[in-house]
């Protein structure tokens, strides 16, 4: 490699949009599902397109249930 070489930017695998809403501060919140074959399904929350919170599940149904439980906390701003 030469001095000015930069490796290509790795783009994340696009996910399936599950939820999209605005919180009390009018920030855009999206929840995406990403599939990893036999490893499971990842539910990921993004706030203004920046990663905020994620969790991996064995099934899509469990990922959806968790996302629906987390939504009210994110809408109010209780992200802890």
Protein backbone atom coordinates (compact mmCIF):
# COMPACT_ATOMS: atom_id res chain seq x y z
CA UNK A 1 0.00 0.00 0.00
CA UNK A 2 1.15 3.49 -0.69
CA UNK A 3 0.99 6.46 1.67
CA UNK A 4 -2.27 7.97 0.36
CA UNK A 5 -4.15 4.67 0.13
CA UNK A 6 -7.44 4.41 2.00
CA UNK A 7 -9.38 1.17 2.25
CA UNK A 8 -12.91 1.29 0.82
CA UNK A 9 -15.66 2.31 3.20
CA UNK A 10 -17.60 -0.69 4.46
CA UNK A 11 -21.30 -0.14 4.16
CA UNK A 12 -23.54 -2.00 6.55
CA UNK A 13 -25.90 -4.59 5.25
CA UNK A 14 -29.27 -2.90 4.61
CA UNK A 15 -32.00 -3.98 6.96
CA UNK A 16 -35.75 -4.38 6.74
CA UNK A 17 -37.46 -1.27 8.14
CA UNK A 18 -39.79 -2.32 10.96
CA UNK A 19 -40.66 0.95 12.72
CA UNK A 20 -40.19 4.62 11.93
CA UNK A 21 -41.36 7.48 14.17
CA UNK A 22 -40.35 10.78 15.78
CA UNK A 23 -39.52 11.12 19.47
CA UNK A 24 -40.48 14.00 21.79
CA UNK A 25 -37.48 16.01 20.49
CA UNK A 26 -38.61 15.41 16.89
CA UNK A 27 -35.63 13.15 16.14
CA UNK A 28 -36.17 10.45 13.52
CA UNK A 29 -36.12 6.96 15.05
CA UNK A 30 -36.00 3.87 12.87
CA UNK A 31 -35.89 0.22 13.80
CA UNK A 32 -34.41 -2.18 11.27
CA UNK A 33 -34.27 -5.95 11.26
CA UNK A 34 -31.14 -7.59 9.90
CA UNK A 35 -31.04 -11.28 9.17
CA UNK A 36 -27.99 -13.42 9.91
CA UNK A 37 -29.13 -16.86 8.76
CA UNK A 38 -28.90 -19.50 11.46
CA UNK A 39 -27.32 -17.01 13.87
CA UNK A 40 -30.62 -15.15 14.19
CA UNK A 41 -32.19 -11.75 13.67
CA UNK A 42 -30.85 -8.43 14.88
CA UNK A 43 -33.16 -5.56 15.81
CA UNK A 44 -31.38 -2.22 15.60
CA UNK A 45 -32.64 1.25 16.60
CA UNK A 46 -31.17 4.26 14.82
CA UNK A 47 -31.68 7.83 16.01
CA UNK A 48 -31.28 10.33 13.18
CA UNK A 49 -29.61 7.46 11.22
CA UNK A 50 -26.98 6.92 13.93
CA UNK A 51 -26.77 3.61 15.79
CA UNK A 52 -28.32 3.75 19.25
CA UNK A 53 -29.46 0.33 20.46
CA UNK A 54 -29.50 -3.27 19.21
CA UNK A 55 -30.15 -6.82 20.28
CA UNK A 56 -29.97 -10.23 18.61
CA UNK A 57 -32.77 -12.78 18.73
CA UNK A 58 -33.30 -16.34 17.54
CA UNK A 59 -36.50 -15.46 15.65
CA UNK A 60 -38.03 -12.50 13.83
CA UNK A 61 -41.08 -12.66 16.11
CA UNK A 62 -38.96 -12.15 19.25
CA UNK A 63 -37.12 -9.23 17.61
CA UNK A 64 -40.45 -7.57 16.74
CA UNK A 65 -41.79 -8.04 20.27
CA UNK A 66 -38.67 -6.46 21.78
CA UNK A 67 -38.80 -3.51 19.35
CA UNK A 68 -42.44 -2.86 20.22
CA UNK A 69 -41.58 -2.92 23.95
CA UNK A 70 -38.66 -0.48 23.48
CA UNK A 71 -40.61 1.99 21.31
CA UNK A 72 -42.47 3.80 24.15
CA UNK A 73 -39.18 4.41 26.01
CA UNK A 74 -37.51 5.84 22.91
CA UNK A 75 -40.52 8.03 22.12
CA UNK A 76 -40.30 9.60 25.59
CA UNK A 77 -36.51 9.81 25.57
CA UNK A 78 -35.91 7.10 28.21
CA UNK A 79 -33.04 5.45 26.34
CA UNK A 80 -31.16 4.04 29.32
